[in-house]
């Protein structure tokens, strides 16, 4: 997989891409990441990539010409066989979810564009494929969002995780019909007076499966009823 990241602060990604399974994915050649310094495409003495908004208002807006130049440079550096999918990271985007992560895990290449200041010039949206948000909140820049998106996608690639089954039955997975994962326990069997449910220690796989399905449904109904089919939202 080839991933380009356009950012004013590419140094933020270094330690992240050298650690844990992402670091292994890079070293094993499963993942290739190109970090494009947006400032390289800035204008004037200070390499500015932003300007004041037309119509007035506080803050600065990212220029479309500089940002598009950064995107195109990242695409060129990736040298992928297929055209990379261009993605703006913005609180105005469509919510990024597990289904989107799985869709992106099947791509050969994509470019993530990290916003700053008051956001992107509206015209830049004519030059990208989609816009994604990691939640209904605002952060200073898109770098933290890019880290979340990248990790969610890369962990789904074959050979990245030590145990391929780790992504099979987890929250939002097709195996759990998009519901939240059931409670998990490990040793000790009793901790601070709280015991591991007896059924999980019984060795009866049928009962364990039934318990987990019921617990998954109960937890989803309690915490995220919006994930349930309409007919299952009643208690």
Protein backbone atom coordinates (compact mmCIF):
# COMPACT_ATOMS: atom_id res chain seq x y z
CA UNK A 1 0.00 0.00 0.00
CA UNK A 2 1.25 3.49 -0.92
CA UNK A 3 0.12 6.40 1.27
CA UNK A 4 0.92 10.07 0.83
CA UNK A 5 0.41 12.54 3.67
CA UNK A 6 0.41 16.26 2.94
CA UNK A 7 1.12 18.26 6.07
CA UNK A 8 2.74 21.37 7.48
CA UNK A 9 4.15 19.19 10.28
CA UNK A 10 5.34 15.90 8.72
CA UNK A 11 7.77 15.41 11.60
CA UNK A 12 4.81 14.42 13.78
CA UNK A 13 4.50 11.16 11.86
CA UNK A 14 8.07 9.90 12.27
CA UNK A 15 7.84 8.11 15.65
CA UNK A 16 4.36 6.81 14.82
CA UNK A 17 5.58 5.13 11.62
CA UNK A 18 8.53 3.54 13.43
CA UNK A 19 6.53 1.96 16.24
CA UNK A 20 4.54 -1.25 16.75
CA UNK A 21 2.73 -2.87 13.81
CA UNK A 22 2.97 0.24 11.63
CA UNK A 23 6.74 0.15 11.95
CA UNK A 24 6.74 -3.52 11.03
CA UNK A 25 4.46 -2.88 8.06
CA UNK A 26 6.90 -0.27 6.77
CA UNK A 27 10.00 -2.41 7.35
CA UNK A 28 8.33 -5.44 5.76
CA UNK A 29 7.42 -3.46 2.66
CA UNK A 30 3.66 -3.83 3.18
CA UNK A 31 3.28 -0.09 3.70
CA UNK A 32 5.09 2.79 2.04
CA UNK A 33 4.43 6.31 3.30
CA UNK A 34 5.57 9.53 1.68
CA UNK A 35 5.41 12.66 3.84
CA UNK A 36 4.98 15.81 1.74
CA UNK A 37 5.97 19.07 3.44
CA UNK A 38 3.27 21.51 2.37
CA UNK A 39 5.54 24.47 3.14
CA UNK A 40 7.67 23.47 0.15
CA UNK A 41 4.81 24.64 -2.04
CA UNK A 42 4.28 27.95 -0.25
CA UNK A 43 4.68 31.40 -1.71
CA UNK A 44 7.05 34.26 -1.03
CA UNK A 45 9.88 34.65 1.44
CA UNK A 46 8.01 32.86 4.22
CA UNK A 47 6.60 30.10 1.99
CA UNK A 48 3.04 31.01 2.98
CA UNK A 49 0.31 28.47 2.27
CA UNK A 50 -2.56 30.47 3.79
CA UNK A 51 -4.23 33.86 3.32
CA UNK A 52 -7.02 36.01 4.76
CA UNK A 53 -10.59 34.97 3.92
CA UNK A 54 -12.63 36.87 1.34
CA UNK A 55 -15.59 38.53 3.04
CA UNK A 56 -13.68 39.03 6.26
CA UNK A 57 -13.61 36.95 9.39
CA UNK A 58 -11.08 35.64 11.87
CA UNK A 59 -8.25 33.27 11.08
CA UNK A 60 -6.58 32.26 7.86
CA UNK A 61 -7.63 29.90 5.05
CA UNK A 62 -5.41 27.36 3.30
CA UNK A 63 -4.79 28.40 -0.31
CA UNK A 64 -6.05 26.00 -2.99
CA UNK A 65 -3.05 26.45 -5.29
CA UNK A 66 -0.44 25.60 -2.67
CA UNK A 67 -2.43 22.69 -1.28
CA UNK A 68 -3.14 21.17 -4.68
CA UNK A 69 0.54 21.47 -5.57
CA UNK A 70 1.34 19.49 -2.41
CA UNK A 71 -1.18 16.80 -3.32
CA UNK A 72 0.20 16.44 -6.83
CA UNK A 73 3.76 16.27 -5.54
CA UNK A 74 2.78 13.51 -3.11
CA UNK A 75 1.12 11.54 -5.90
CA UNK A 76 4.22 11.86 -8.05
CA UNK A 77 6.46 10.68 -5.22
CA UNK A 78 4.28 7.62 -4.57
CA UNK A 79 4.62 6.46 -8.18
CA UNK A 80 1.68 4.09 -7.72
CA UNK A 81 0.29 2.05 -10.61
CA UNK A 82 -3.19 3.44 -10.01
CA UNK A 83 -4.17 7.02 -9.32
CA UNK A 84 -4.20 7.62 -5.55
CA UNK A 85 -7.50 8.53 -3.93
CA UNK A 86 -7.37 12.11 -2.65
CA UNK A 87 -8.82 12.68 0.82
CA UNK A 88 -9.29 15.89 2.77
CA UNK A 89 -9.39 15.50 6.55
CA UNK A 90 -11.91 17.97 7.91
CA UNK A 91 -14.67 18.14 10.57
CA UNK A 92 -17.05 18.82 7.67
CA UNK A 93 -16.35 15.44 6.09
CA UNK A 94 -18.33 12.22 6.13
CA UNK A 95 -17.73 10.26 9.35
CA UNK A 96 -14.83 7.84 9.08
CA UNK A 97 -15.93 4.42 10.29
CA UNK A 98 -14.84 0.78 10.17
CA UNK A 99 -16.56 0.16 6.86
CA UNK A 100 -14.60 3.05 5.35
CA UNK A 101 -11.38 1.66 6.82
CA UNK A 102 -12.08 -1.68 5.13
CA UNK A 103 -12.82 0.04 1.83
CA UNK A 104 -9.54 1.93 1.96
CA UNK A 105 -7.60 -1.20 2.94
CA UNK A 106 -8.38 -2.54 -0.53
CA UNK A 107 -6.83 0.46 -2.31
CA UNK A 108 -3.32 0.48 -3.70
CA UNK A 109 -2.75 4.15 -2.92
CA UNK A 110 -4.32 7.24 -1.34
CA UNK A 111 -3.29 10.70 -0.18
CA UNK A 112 -4.39 12.23 3.12
CA UNK A 113 -4.41 16.03 3.27
CA UNK A 114 -4.09 17.58 6.72
CA UNK A 115 -5.83 20.90 7.17
CA UNK A 116 -4.81 23.79 9.43
CA UNK A 117 -6.03 27.27 10.34
CA UNK A 118 -9.70 27.88 9.41
CA UNK A 119 -9.72 25.06 6.89
CA UNK A 120 -9.44 24.68 3.12
CA UNK A 121 -10.43 27.10 0.38
CA UNK A 122 -13.75 25.70 -0.88
CA UNK A 123 -12.46 25.32 -4.44
CA UNK A 124 -9.97 22.67 -3.37
CA UNK A 125 -12.89 20.28 -2.95
CA UNK A 126 -13.27 20.11 -6.73
CA UNK A 127 -9.86 18.40 -6.90
CA UNK A 128 -10.30 15.61 -4.33
CA UNK A 129 -12.34 12.42 -4.22
CA UNK A 130 -13.78 12.67 -0.73
CA UNK A 131 -13.65 14.37 2.64
CA UNK A 132 -13.51 12.48 5.94
CA UNK A 133 -13.97 13.41 9.60
CA UNK A 134 -12.93 11.41 12.66
CA UNK A 135 -15.66 12.89 14.85
CA UNK A 136 -17.96 15.76 15.64
CA UNK A 137 -15.30 17.93 17.20
CA UNK A 138 -12.67 20.38 16.00
CA UNK A 139 -8.91 20.04 16.46
CA UNK A 140 -6.17 22.43 15.40
CA UNK A 141 -4.89 20.34 12.50
CA UNK A 142 -5.53 17.17 10.53
CA UNK A 143 -2.38 15.36 11.63
CA UNK A 144 -3.98 13.57 14.60
CA UNK A 145 -6.90 12.59 12.37
CA UNK A 146 -4.50 11.23 9.75
CA UNK A 147 -2.82 9.06 12.38
CA UNK A 148 -6.19 7.57 13.40
CA UNK A 149 -7.24 6.95 9.82
CA UNK A 150 -3.91 5.41 8.84
CA UNK A 151 -3.78 3.01 11.78
CA UNK A 152 -7.39 1.89 11.31
CA UNK A 153 -6.67 1.06 7.66
CA UNK A 154 -3.21 -0.50 7.91
CA UNK A 155 -4.12 -2.95 10.67
CA UNK A 156 -6.57 -4.55 8.22
CA UNK A 157 -3.88 -5.33 5.64
CA UNK A 158 -2.89 -9.00 5.33
CA UNK A 159 0.28 -9.82 7.24
CA UNK A 160 0.30 -6.70 9.41
CA UNK A 161 -1.07 -8.06 12.68
CA UNK A 162 0.50 -11.10 14.30
CA UNK A 163 -2.88 -12.84 14.50
CA UNK A 164 -5.04 -12.38 11.42
CA UNK A 165 -8.14 -13.34 13.44
CA UNK A 166 -7.71 -10.22 15.58
CA UNK A 167 -9.72 -8.15 13.12
CA UNK A 168 -12.38 -10.78 12.47
CA UNK A 169 -14.56 -10.48 15.56
CA UNK A 170 -14.24 -6.98 17.01
CA UNK A 171 -16.37 -3.87 17.41
CA UNK A 172 -18.09 -2.82 14.16
CA UNK A 173 -16.92 -5.97 12.33
CA UNK A 174 -19.21 -7.90 9.94
CA UNK A 175 -18.82 -10.96 12.18
CA UNK A 176 -20.57 -9.05 14.98
CA UNK A 177 -23.04 -7.48 12.54
CA UNK A 178 -21.56 -4.04 13.22
CA UNK A 179 -22.22 -4.15 16.97
CA UNK A 180 -19.82 -3.44 19.84
CA UNK A 181 -17.53 -6.21 20.96
CA UNK A 182 -18.47 -8.31 23.97
CA UNK A 183 -16.57 -7.90 27.30
CA UNK A 184 -13.13 -9.53 27.42
CA UNK A 185 -11.40 -11.01 30.49
CA UNK A 186 -8.03 -12.52 31.40
CA UNK A 187 -6.24 -13.67 34.57
CA UNK A 188 -6.66 -13.36 37.50
CA UNK A 189 -10.05 -15.03 37.74
CA UNK A 190 -10.92 -12.74 40.65
CA UNK A 191 -9.76 -9.12 40.78
CA UNK A 192 -10.71 -6.66 43.52
CA UNK A 193 -13.74 -8.81 44.27
CA UNK A 194 -14.93 -8.98 40.66
CA UNK A 195 -15.02 -12.44 39.07
CA UNK A 196 -14.72 -13.57 35.47
CA UNK A 197 -18.16 -14.91 34.41
CA UNK A 198 -18.35 -18.64 35.07
CA UNK A 199 -19.51 -19.41 31.54
CA UNK A 200 -16.18 -18.17 30.14
CA UNK A 201 -14.33 -20.66 32.36
CA UNK A 202 -16.66 -23.56 31.59
CA UNK A 203 -14.94 -24.78 28.44
CA UNK A 204 -18.34 -25.07 26.73
CA UNK A 205 -17.79 -23.28 23.41
CA UNK A 206 -21.48 -23.23 22.58
CA UNK A 207 -22.38 -21.49 25.82
CA UNK A 208 -19.47 -19.08 25.44
CA UNK A 209 -20.65 -18.13 21.95
CA UNK A 210 -24.21 -17.55 23.19
CA UNK A 211 -22.95 -15.48 26.12
CA UNK A 212 -20.79 -13.31 23.89
CA UNK A 213 -23.55 -12.66 21.37
CA UNK A 214 -25.95 -11.68 24.13
CA UNK A 215 -23.33 -9.50 25.85
CA UNK A 216 -22.50 -7.79 22.56
CA UNK A 217 -26.14 -6.96 21.96
CA UNK A 218 -26.64 -5.76 25.54
CA UNK A 219 -23.55 -3.54 25.47
CA UNK A 220 -24.51 -2.02 22.13
CA UNK A 221 -28.05 -1.34 23.27
CA UNK A 222 -26.71 0.39 26.39
CA UNK A 223 -23.87 2.41 24.85
CA UNK A 224 -24.56 2.78 21.13
CA UNK A 225 -28.22 2.05 20.37
CA UNK A 226 -27.79 3.88 17.06
CA UNK A 227 -25.81 0.85 15.81
CA UNK A 228 -28.74 -1.52 16.32
CA UNK A 229 -31.30 -2.42 13.68
CA UNK A 230 -34.50 -0.57 14.53
CA UNK A 231 -36.26 -3.73 15.71
CA UNK A 232 -33.59 -4.49 18.32
CA UNK A 233 -33.36 -1.09 20.00
CA UNK A 234 -35.90 -1.86 22.69
CA UNK A 235 -34.67 -3.17 25.99
